[in-house]
């Protein structure tokens, strides 16, 4: 029964039913399937990030199904649409079979038609509060990126701008328009 899932361990043992879930302060949340544009933009960002990270041996990238354990008692497991973890942090893991026990260095959230900006921004703040260095909120409809480095250091970028993440992912800067092409 879904309502009885309140811990990360229970979440990890749930049978695959075609849905994605997150656990927020012990409360199970179902995540609606994304639409086509969301999926296309998410794959594009993951591809651009993964190629750069792999080519430069910077760490590891993760897709939307990856859970990050941010807190326990009550448990919080969140899953960004894309993520990067620096190699030094990856080296601290004995294995990566379960949920990763920290926030990613970079978390990317692509807004779905069913999301409100306020909901996604709340999630961005949660990533930052648990140690993420950079959170990108990507808006496919307006083709903008909101780059959060703290609760007060927020920059909004348009398709004409370059998204510079070199402070978090060494050497990675991308024309914002490339996320949407």
N, C-alpha and C. Protein backbone atom coordinates (compact mmCIF):
# COMPACT_ATOMS: atom_id res chain seq x y z
N UNK A 1 0.84 -1.18 0.00
CA UNK A 1 0.00 0.00 0.00
C UNK A 1 0.89 1.24 0.00
N UNK A 2 0.64 2.18 -0.89
CA UNK A 2 1.47 3.36 -1.06
C UNK A 2 1.52 4.24 0.17
N UNK A 3 0.43 4.38 0.88
CA UNK A 3 0.41 5.30 2.02
C UNK A 3 1.30 4.82 3.16
N UNK A 4 1.69 3.55 3.16
CA UNK A 4 2.53 3.05 4.24
C UNK A 4 4.02 3.29 3.98
N UNK A 5 4.36 3.85 2.82
CA UNK A 5 5.76 4.13 2.50
C UNK A 5 6.13 5.47 3.11
N UNK A 6 7.00 5.42 4.13
CA UNK A 6 7.42 6.65 4.79
C UNK A 6 8.93 6.74 4.97
N UNK A 7 9.66 5.69 4.55
CA UNK A 7 11.12 5.71 4.70
C UNK A 7 11.78 5.45 3.35
N UNK A 8 13.03 5.85 3.26
CA UNK A 8 13.79 5.62 2.03
C UNK A 8 13.92 4.13 1.75
N UNK A 9 14.09 3.33 2.79
CA UNK A 9 14.21 1.88 2.62
C UNK A 9 12.93 1.29 2.02
N UNK A 10 11.77 1.73 2.50
CA UNK A 10 10.50 1.27 1.95
C UNK A 10 10.34 1.73 0.51
N UNK A 11 10.74 2.96 0.22
CA UNK A 11 10.66 3.47 -1.14
C UNK A 11 11.51 2.64 -2.09
N UNK A 12 12.70 2.28 -1.65
CA UNK A 12 13.60 1.49 -2.50
C UNK A 12 13.05 0.10 -2.78
N UNK A 13 12.23 -0.43 -1.88
CA UNK A 13 11.67 -1.79 -2.06
C UNK A 13 10.34 -1.80 -2.79
N UNK A 14 9.81 -0.64 -3.14
CA UNK A 14 8.52 -0.60 -3.83
C UNK A 14 8.61 -1.29 -5.18
N UNK A 15 7.59 -2.06 -5.54
CA UNK A 15 7.60 -2.67 -6.88
C UNK A 15 7.50 -1.60 -7.96
N UNK A 16 8.13 -1.86 -9.08
CA UNK A 16 8.06 -0.93 -10.21
C UNK A 16 6.65 -0.98 -10.79
N UNK A 17 5.98 0.16 -10.79
CA UNK A 17 4.61 0.22 -11.29
C UNK A 17 4.45 1.21 -12.44
N UNK A 18 5.59 1.69 -12.97
CA UNK A 18 5.54 2.63 -14.08
C UNK A 18 5.51 4.08 -13.65
N UNK A 19 5.36 4.34 -12.36
CA UNK A 19 5.35 5.70 -11.85
C UNK A 19 6.70 6.03 -11.22
N UNK A 20 6.96 7.34 -11.10
CA UNK A 20 8.12 7.82 -10.36
C UNK A 20 7.61 8.43 -9.07
N UNK A 21 8.37 8.24 -8.02
CA UNK A 21 7.98 8.75 -6.72
C UNK A 21 9.13 9.51 -6.09
N UNK A 22 8.78 10.44 -5.22
CA UNK A 22 9.73 11.08 -4.33
C UNK A 22 9.14 10.97 -2.92
N UNK A 23 10.03 11.00 -1.95
CA UNK A 23 9.63 10.97 -0.55
C UNK A 23 10.08 12.29 0.06
N UNK A 24 9.14 13.07 0.57
CA UNK A 24 9.46 14.39 1.12
C UNK A 24 9.00 14.42 2.57
N UNK A 25 9.98 14.45 3.46
CA UNK A 25 9.71 14.46 4.90
C UNK A 25 8.74 13.36 5.29
N UNK A 26 9.00 12.15 4.76
CA UNK A 26 8.20 10.98 5.09
C UNK A 26 6.88 10.86 4.36
N UNK A 27 6.60 11.75 3.41
CA UNK A 27 5.35 11.71 2.65
C UNK A 27 5.66 11.32 1.21
N UNK A 28 5.01 10.29 0.73
CA UNK A 28 5.22 9.79 -0.62
C UNK A 28 4.48 10.66 -1.63
N UNK A 29 5.19 11.13 -2.65
CA UNK A 29 4.60 11.94 -3.71
C UNK A 29 4.76 11.22 -5.04
N UNK A 30 3.67 11.06 -5.78
CA UNK A 30 3.74 10.50 -7.12
C UNK A 30 4.09 11.63 -8.08
N UNK A 31 4.92 11.33 -9.05
CA UNK A 31 5.31 12.33 -10.04
C UNK A 31 4.65 11.95 -11.36
N UNK A 32 3.84 12.84 -11.88
CA UNK A 32 3.13 12.59 -13.13
C UNK A 32 4.11 12.40 -14.28
N UNK A 33 3.77 11.56 -15.25
CA UNK A 33 4.63 11.45 -16.43
C UNK A 33 4.75 12.81 -17.12
N UNK A 34 5.92 13.07 -17.66
CA UNK A 34 6.17 14.35 -18.33
C UNK A 34 5.69 14.29 -19.78
N UNK A 35 5.48 15.46 -20.35
CA UNK A 35 5.10 15.55 -21.75
C UNK A 35 6.31 15.47 -22.67
N UNK A 36 6.04 15.51 -23.96
CA UNK A 36 7.09 15.36 -24.96
C UNK A 36 8.16 16.43 -24.91
N UNK A 37 7.75 17.69 -24.82
CA UNK A 37 8.74 18.77 -24.79
C UNK A 37 9.63 18.66 -23.56
N UNK A 38 9.04 18.37 -22.40
CA UNK A 38 9.81 18.19 -21.18
C UNK A 38 10.86 17.10 -21.37
N UNK A 39 10.43 15.97 -21.91
CA UNK A 39 11.35 14.86 -22.12
C UNK A 39 12.46 15.20 -23.10
N UNK A 40 12.11 15.90 -24.17
CA UNK A 40 13.11 16.28 -25.18
C UNK A 40 14.14 17.23 -24.58
N UNK A 41 13.69 18.24 -23.83
CA UNK A 41 14.60 19.21 -23.24
C UNK A 41 15.48 18.53 -22.18
N UNK A 42 14.88 17.65 -21.38
CA UNK A 42 15.63 16.94 -20.34
C UNK A 42 16.73 16.08 -20.96
N UNK A 43 16.40 15.34 -22.01
CA UNK A 43 17.42 14.51 -22.67
C UNK A 43 18.52 15.38 -23.27
N UNK A 44 18.15 16.48 -23.86
CA UNK A 44 19.14 17.39 -24.45
C UNK A 44 20.12 17.89 -23.38
N UNK A 45 19.60 18.33 -22.25
CA UNK A 45 20.47 18.82 -21.16
C UNK A 45 21.36 17.69 -20.64
N UNK A 46 20.75 16.52 -20.41
CA UNK A 46 21.54 15.37 -19.94
C UNK A 46 22.66 15.03 -20.92
N UNK A 47 22.36 15.07 -22.21
CA UNK A 47 23.37 14.75 -23.23
C UNK A 47 24.52 15.76 -23.19
N UNK A 48 24.18 17.05 -23.20
CA UNK A 48 25.22 18.08 -23.18
C UNK A 48 26.09 17.97 -21.92
N UNK A 49 25.45 17.73 -20.79
CA UNK A 49 26.17 17.60 -19.52
C UNK A 49 27.02 16.34 -19.50
N UNK A 50 26.44 15.21 -19.87
CA UNK A 50 27.16 13.94 -19.80
C UNK A 50 28.38 13.90 -20.72
N UNK A 51 28.24 14.42 -21.92
CA UNK A 51 29.38 14.43 -22.85
C UNK A 51 30.52 15.24 -22.25
N UNK A 52 30.22 16.42 -21.71
CA UNK A 52 31.27 17.26 -21.13
C UNK A 52 31.92 16.58 -19.91
N UNK A 53 31.09 16.04 -19.03
CA UNK A 53 31.60 15.40 -17.81
C UNK A 53 32.44 14.17 -18.17
N UNK A 54 31.96 13.35 -19.06
CA UNK A 54 32.71 12.15 -19.46
C UNK A 54 34.00 12.49 -20.18
N UNK A 55 33.93 13.42 -21.13
CA UNK A 55 35.13 13.79 -21.88
C UNK A 55 36.23 14.35 -20.99
N UNK A 56 35.83 15.00 -19.89
CA UNK A 56 36.80 15.63 -19.00
C UNK A 56 37.01 14.88 -17.69
N UNK A 57 36.36 13.72 -17.57
CA UNK A 57 36.50 12.86 -16.38
C UNK A 57 36.30 13.65 -15.08
N UNK A 58 35.16 14.33 -15.01
CA UNK A 58 34.89 15.22 -13.89
C UNK A 58 34.10 14.57 -12.76
N UNK A 59 33.43 13.46 -13.04
CA UNK A 59 32.58 12.83 -12.04
C UNK A 59 31.53 11.99 -12.73
N UNK A 60 30.29 12.09 -12.25
CA UNK A 60 29.21 11.27 -12.78
C UNK A 60 27.97 12.12 -13.02
N UNK A 61 27.21 11.74 -14.04
CA UNK A 61 25.93 12.38 -14.32
C UNK A 61 24.82 11.35 -14.08
N UNK A 62 23.64 11.86 -13.75
CA UNK A 62 22.53 10.98 -13.41
C UNK A 62 21.26 11.46 -14.06
N UNK A 63 20.41 10.50 -14.45
CA UNK A 63 19.13 10.78 -15.10
C UNK A 63 18.02 10.93 -14.05
N UNK A 64 16.85 11.23 -14.53
CA UNK A 64 15.71 11.58 -13.68
C UNK A 64 15.28 10.49 -12.71
N UNK A 65 15.59 9.27 -12.97
CA UNK A 65 15.16 8.19 -12.08
C UNK A 65 16.03 8.07 -10.84
N UNK A 66 17.10 8.84 -10.74
CA UNK A 66 18.07 8.68 -9.66
C UNK A 66 17.61 9.41 -8.40
N UNK A 67 17.54 8.67 -7.30
CA UNK A 67 17.15 9.25 -6.03
C UNK A 67 18.35 9.69 -5.21
N UNK A 68 18.21 10.85 -4.59
CA UNK A 68 19.22 11.39 -3.68
C UNK A 68 18.59 11.50 -2.30
N UNK A 69 19.18 10.82 -1.32
CA UNK A 69 18.69 10.85 0.05
C UNK A 69 19.21 12.11 0.72
N UNK A 70 18.31 13.05 0.95
CA UNK A 70 18.70 14.35 1.48
C UNK A 70 18.57 14.45 3.00
N UNK A 71 17.67 13.67 3.58
CA UNK A 71 17.46 13.74 5.02
C UNK A 71 16.86 12.43 5.51
N UNK A 72 17.06 12.17 6.79
CA UNK A 72 16.46 10.99 7.41
C UNK A 72 15.70 11.42 8.66
N UNK A 73 14.70 10.63 8.97
CA UNK A 73 13.91 10.78 10.20
C UNK A 73 13.31 12.16 10.38
N UNK A 74 12.38 12.59 9.52
CA UNK A 74 11.74 11.84 8.44
C UNK A 74 12.60 11.86 7.17
N UNK A 75 12.42 10.83 6.37
CA UNK A 75 13.24 10.65 5.18
C UNK A 75 12.76 11.53 4.02
N UNK A 76 13.76 12.03 3.27
CA UNK A 76 13.49 12.78 2.05
C UNK A 76 14.38 12.24 0.95
N UNK A 77 13.76 11.75 -0.11
CA UNK A 77 14.46 11.27 -1.31
C UNK A 77 13.88 12.04 -2.48
N UNK A 78 14.72 12.83 -3.14
CA UNK A 78 14.28 13.61 -4.30
C UNK A 78 15.04 13.13 -5.53
N UNK A 79 14.48 13.43 -6.70
CA UNK A 79 15.08 13.01 -7.98
C UNK A 79 15.00 14.18 -8.96
N UNK A 80 16.14 14.82 -9.25
CA UNK A 80 16.13 15.89 -10.25
C UNK A 80 16.03 15.32 -11.65
N UNK A 81 15.75 16.16 -12.63
CA UNK A 81 15.68 15.70 -14.01
C UNK A 81 17.06 15.37 -14.57
N UNK A 82 18.08 16.04 -14.07
CA UNK A 82 19.47 15.76 -14.43
C UNK A 82 20.32 16.16 -13.23
N UNK A 83 21.46 15.49 -13.09
CA UNK A 83 22.33 15.80 -11.95
C UNK A 83 23.78 15.49 -12.29
N UNK A 84 24.66 16.21 -11.60
CA UNK A 84 26.10 15.99 -11.68
C UNK A 84 26.65 15.89 -10.27
N UNK A 85 27.54 14.90 -10.07
CA UNK A 85 28.26 14.76 -8.81
C UNK A 85 29.75 14.71 -9.13
N UNK A 86 30.50 15.59 -8.48
CA UNK A 86 31.94 15.68 -8.66
C UNK A 86 32.63 14.36 -8.29
N UNK A 87 33.72 14.05 -8.97
CA UNK A 87 34.43 12.79 -8.74
C UNK A 87 34.89 12.63 -7.29
N UNK A 88 35.31 13.71 -6.66
CA UNK A 88 35.74 13.60 -5.25
C UNK A 88 34.60 13.10 -4.37
N UNK A 89 33.41 13.61 -4.59
CA UNK A 89 32.26 13.16 -3.81
C UNK A 89 31.91 11.71 -4.17
N UNK A 90 31.99 11.37 -5.44
CA UNK A 90 31.72 9.99 -5.85
C UNK A 90 32.70 9.02 -5.19
N UNK A 91 33.94 9.45 -5.01
CA UNK A 91 34.96 8.59 -4.40
C UNK A 91 34.66 8.29 -2.93
N UNK A 92 33.76 9.05 -2.29
CA UNK A 92 33.44 8.80 -0.89
C UNK A 92 32.45 7.64 -0.73
N UNK A 93 31.85 7.19 -1.82
CA UNK A 93 30.85 6.12 -1.76
C UNK A 93 31.50 4.74 -1.77
N UNK A 94 31.01 3.87 -0.91
CA UNK A 94 31.44 2.47 -0.97
C UNK A 94 30.83 1.81 -2.20
N UNK A 95 29.57 2.16 -2.50
CA UNK A 95 28.91 1.73 -3.73
C UNK A 95 27.80 2.73 -4.04
N UNK A 96 27.28 2.64 -5.25
CA UNK A 96 26.21 3.55 -5.64
C UNK A 96 24.96 2.78 -6.06
N UNK A 97 24.73 1.65 -5.41
CA UNK A 97 23.59 0.81 -5.77
C UNK A 97 22.26 1.40 -5.29
N UNK A 98 22.26 2.04 -4.13
CA UNK A 98 21.04 2.60 -3.58
C UNK A 98 20.94 4.09 -3.87
N UNK A 99 20.06 4.75 -3.13
CA UNK A 99 19.95 6.20 -3.25
C UNK A 99 21.28 6.82 -2.84
N UNK A 100 21.66 7.86 -3.55
CA UNK A 100 22.91 8.54 -3.22
C UNK A 100 22.70 9.37 -1.96
N UNK A 101 23.60 9.25 -0.97
CA UNK A 101 23.35 9.83 0.36
C UNK A 101 23.78 11.29 0.50
N UNK A 102 23.53 12.08 -0.52
CA UNK A 102 23.89 13.49 -0.51
C UNK A 102 23.17 14.18 -1.66
N UNK A 103 23.25 15.50 -1.66
CA UNK A 103 22.70 16.26 -2.79
C UNK A 103 23.73 16.27 -3.92
N UNK A 104 23.28 16.31 -5.16
CA UNK A 104 24.24 16.46 -6.26
C UNK A 104 24.86 17.86 -6.21
N UNK A 105 26.01 18.01 -6.84
CA UNK A 105 26.62 19.34 -6.94
C UNK A 105 25.78 20.23 -7.85
N UNK A 106 25.25 19.66 -8.93
CA UNK A 106 24.35 20.35 -9.85
C UNK A 106 23.07 19.55 -9.96
N UNK A 107 21.95 20.22 -9.74
CA UNK A 107 20.63 19.62 -9.94
C UNK A 107 19.91 20.45 -10.99
N UNK A 108 19.29 19.76 -11.94
CA UNK A 108 18.52 20.43 -12.99
C UNK A 108 17.07 20.00 -12.88
N UNK A 109 16.19 20.98 -12.82
CA UNK A 109 14.75 20.74 -12.78
C UNK A 109 14.13 21.37 -14.02
N UNK A 110 13.48 20.56 -14.85
CA UNK A 110 12.78 21.06 -16.03
C UNK A 110 11.30 21.14 -15.68
N UNK A 111 10.73 22.31 -15.84
CA UNK A 111 9.33 22.52 -15.47
C UNK A 111 8.41 21.80 -16.45
N UNK A 112 7.50 21.01 -15.89
CA UNK A 112 6.47 20.30 -16.66
C UNK A 112 5.20 21.13 -16.69
N UNK A 113 4.32 20.88 -17.65
CA UNK A 113 3.04 21.60 -17.68
C UNK A 113 2.24 21.44 -16.38
N UNK A 114 2.42 20.32 -15.68
CA UNK A 114 1.67 20.09 -14.44
C UNK A 114 2.32 20.75 -13.22
N UNK A 115 3.52 21.33 -13.38
CA UNK A 115 4.23 21.98 -12.28
C UNK A 115 3.86 23.46 -12.19
N UNK A 116 3.96 23.99 -10.99
CA UNK A 116 3.95 25.44 -10.84
C UNK A 116 5.38 25.87 -10.58
N UNK A 117 5.70 27.10 -10.95
CA UNK A 117 7.06 27.59 -10.72
C UNK A 117 7.37 27.57 -9.23
N UNK A 118 6.41 27.94 -8.40
CA UNK A 118 6.62 27.97 -6.95
C UNK A 118 6.99 26.60 -6.40
N UNK A 119 6.35 25.53 -6.91
CA UNK A 119 6.67 24.17 -6.46
C UNK A 119 8.10 23.80 -6.83
N UNK A 120 8.48 24.13 -8.05
CA UNK A 120 9.83 23.78 -8.51
C UNK A 120 10.88 24.63 -7.79
N UNK A 121 10.56 25.89 -7.54
CA UNK A 121 11.50 26.74 -6.81
C UNK A 121 11.70 26.23 -5.38
N UNK A 122 10.63 25.76 -4.76
CA UNK A 122 10.74 25.18 -3.41
C UNK A 122 11.70 23.99 -3.44
N UNK A 123 11.61 23.19 -4.48
CA UNK A 123 12.51 22.04 -4.63
C UNK A 123 13.94 22.52 -4.85
N UNK A 124 14.12 23.58 -5.63
CA UNK A 124 15.46 24.14 -5.85
C UNK A 124 16.08 24.59 -4.53
N UNK A 125 15.30 25.25 -3.70
CA UNK A 125 15.81 25.69 -2.40
C UNK A 125 16.17 24.49 -1.53
N UNK A 126 15.39 23.42 -1.64
CA UNK A 126 15.72 22.21 -0.87
C UNK A 126 17.07 21.64 -1.32
N UNK A 127 17.29 21.60 -2.64
CA UNK A 127 18.59 21.12 -3.13
C UNK A 127 19.72 21.97 -2.55
N UNK A 128 19.56 23.29 -2.62
CA UNK A 128 20.60 24.19 -2.10
C UNK A 128 20.80 24.00 -0.60
N UNK A 129 19.71 23.88 0.14
CA UNK A 129 19.79 23.73 1.60
C UNK A 129 20.52 22.45 2.00
N UNK A 130 20.52 21.46 1.11
CA UNK A 130 21.18 20.18 1.42
C UNK A 130 22.54 20.03 0.73
N UNK A 131 23.06 21.12 0.15
CA UNK A 131 24.44 21.08 -0.32
C UNK A 131 24.67 21.22 -1.81
N UNK A 132 23.64 21.31 -2.63
CA UNK A 132 23.87 21.54 -4.06
C UNK A 132 24.54 22.90 -4.24
N UNK A 133 25.47 22.97 -5.17
CA UNK A 133 26.17 24.23 -5.44
C UNK A 133 25.44 25.08 -6.48
N UNK A 134 24.73 24.41 -7.37
CA UNK A 134 24.02 25.09 -8.45
C UNK A 134 22.76 24.29 -8.78
N UNK A 135 21.64 25.01 -8.89
CA UNK A 135 20.38 24.40 -9.33
C UNK A 135 19.89 25.20 -10.52
N UNK A 136 19.56 24.50 -11.60
CA UNK A 136 19.00 25.14 -12.78
C UNK A 136 17.52 24.77 -12.87
N UNK A 137 16.68 25.78 -12.94
CA UNK A 137 15.26 25.57 -13.25
C UNK A 137 15.09 25.98 -14.70
N UNK A 138 14.70 25.02 -15.52
CA UNK A 138 14.60 25.21 -16.96
C UNK A 138 13.12 25.29 -17.33
N UNK A 139 12.76 26.37 -18.03
CA UNK A 139 11.38 26.60 -18.46
C UNK A 139 11.28 26.42 -19.98
N UNK A 140 10.80 25.25 -20.44
CA UNK A 140 10.71 25.02 -21.88
C UNK A 140 9.81 26.00 -22.62
N UNK A 141 8.70 26.44 -22.03
CA UNK A 141 7.78 27.33 -22.74
C UNK A 141 8.42 28.68 -23.05
N UNK A 142 9.09 29.27 -22.08
CA UNK A 142 9.71 30.59 -22.29
C UNK A 142 11.17 30.49 -22.73
N UNK A 143 11.68 29.26 -22.77
CA UNK A 143 13.08 29.01 -23.13
C UNK A 143 14.02 29.86 -22.28
N UNK A 144 13.80 29.77 -20.96
CA UNK A 144 14.66 30.46 -20.01
C UNK A 144 15.21 29.47 -19.00
N UNK A 145 16.30 29.89 -18.36
CA UNK A 145 16.94 29.11 -17.31
C UNK A 145 17.13 30.03 -16.11
N UNK A 146 16.70 29.56 -14.95
CA UNK A 146 16.92 30.28 -13.70
C UNK A 146 18.05 29.54 -12.99
N UNK A 147 19.18 30.21 -12.79
CA UNK A 147 20.35 29.60 -12.15
C UNK A 147 20.41 30.06 -10.70
N UNK A 148 20.29 29.10 -9.78
CA UNK A 148 20.31 29.36 -8.34
C UNK A 148 21.64 28.88 -7.76
N UNK A 149 22.40 29.81 -7.20
CA UNK A 149 23.62 29.45 -6.48
C UNK A 149 23.43 29.59 -4.97
N UNK A 150 22.39 30.29 -4.58
CA UNK A 150 21.97 30.42 -3.19
C UNK A 150 20.53 30.94 -3.23
N UNK A 151 19.96 31.14 -2.06
CA UNK A 151 18.59 31.67 -2.00
C UNK A 151 18.51 33.11 -2.50
N UNK A 152 19.65 33.80 -2.52
CA UNK A 152 19.64 35.20 -2.97
C UNK A 152 20.43 35.43 -4.26
N UNK A 153 21.23 34.47 -4.68
CA UNK A 153 22.00 34.61 -5.91
C UNK A 153 21.30 33.82 -7.02
N UNK A 154 20.37 34.48 -7.68
CA UNK A 154 19.54 33.86 -8.72
C UNK A 154 19.65 34.72 -9.97
N UNK A 155 19.97 34.06 -11.09
CA UNK A 155 20.12 34.76 -12.36
C UNK A 155 19.17 34.12 -13.36
N UNK A 156 18.45 34.94 -14.12
CA UNK A 156 17.55 34.44 -15.16
C UNK A 156 18.23 34.65 -16.50
N UNK A 157 18.33 33.57 -17.26
CA UNK A 157 19.01 33.59 -18.56
C UNK A 157 18.02 33.29 -19.68
N UNK A 158 18.21 33.97 -20.80
CA UNK A 158 17.37 33.73 -21.98
C UNK A 158 18.18 32.99 -23.03
N UNK A 159 17.52 32.65 -24.13
CA UNK A 159 18.16 31.88 -25.19
C UNK A 159 19.43 32.54 -25.74
N UNK A 160 19.51 33.87 -25.66
CA UNK A 160 20.69 34.59 -26.16
C UNK A 160 21.88 34.51 -25.20
N UNK A 161 21.64 34.10 -23.96
CA UNK A 161 22.69 34.08 -22.94
C UNK A 161 23.47 32.77 -22.93
N UNK A 162 24.62 32.82 -22.29
CA UNK A 162 25.41 31.62 -22.03
C UNK A 162 25.24 31.25 -20.57
N UNK A 163 24.88 30.00 -20.31
CA UNK A 163 24.77 29.49 -18.95
C UNK A 163 26.15 28.98 -18.56
N UNK A 164 26.79 29.68 -17.63
CA UNK A 164 28.15 29.35 -17.21
C UNK A 164 28.10 28.62 -15.87
N UNK A 165 28.42 27.33 -15.90
CA UNK A 165 28.41 26.52 -14.69
C UNK A 165 29.82 26.09 -14.30
N UNK A 166 30.82 26.80 -14.79
CA UNK A 166 32.21 26.38 -14.57
C UNK A 166 32.60 26.35 -13.09
N UNK A 167 31.87 27.08 -12.23
CA UNK A 167 32.16 27.04 -10.81
C UNK A 167 31.71 25.73 -10.16
N UNK A 168 30.87 24.98 -10.85
CA UNK A 168 30.35 23.72 -10.33
C UNK A 168 30.78 22.52 -11.18
N UNK A 169 30.74 22.67 -12.49
CA UNK A 169 31.14 21.63 -13.45
C UNK A 169 32.27 22.25 -14.27
N UNK A 170 33.48 21.95 -13.92
CA UNK A 170 34.65 22.60 -14.52
C UNK A 170 34.55 22.67 -16.05
N UNK A 171 34.62 23.90 -16.57
CA UNK A 171 34.65 24.13 -18.01
C UNK A 171 33.32 24.06 -18.72
N UNK A 172 32.20 23.83 -18.00
CA UNK A 172 30.92 23.67 -18.68
C UNK A 172 30.18 24.99 -18.77
N UNK A 173 30.09 25.49 -19.98
CA UNK A 173 29.23 26.63 -20.28
C UNK A 173 28.51 26.32 -21.59
N UNK A 174 27.25 26.67 -21.64
CA UNK A 174 26.39 26.28 -22.76
C UNK A 174 25.50 27.45 -23.14
N UNK A 175 25.36 27.67 -24.43
CA UNK A 175 24.38 28.64 -24.90
C UNK A 175 23.01 28.13 -24.49
N UNK A 176 22.23 28.94 -23.81
CA UNK A 176 20.91 28.51 -23.33
C UNK A 176 20.06 27.98 -24.47
N UNK A 177 20.13 28.58 -25.63
CA UNK A 177 19.35 28.11 -26.78
C UNK A 177 19.64 26.64 -27.10
N UNK A 178 20.86 26.16 -26.81
CA UNK A 178 21.21 24.76 -27.07
C UNK A 178 20.39 23.78 -26.23
N UNK A 179 19.87 24.21 -25.10
CA UNK A 179 19.02 23.34 -24.29
C UNK A 179 17.71 23.03 -25.00
N UNK A 180 17.30 23.92 -25.87
CA UNK A 180 15.97 23.83 -26.47
C UNK A 180 15.97 23.46 -27.95
N UNK A 181 17.13 23.35 -28.56
CA UNK A 181 17.19 23.09 -30.01
C UNK A 181 16.96 21.62 -30.32
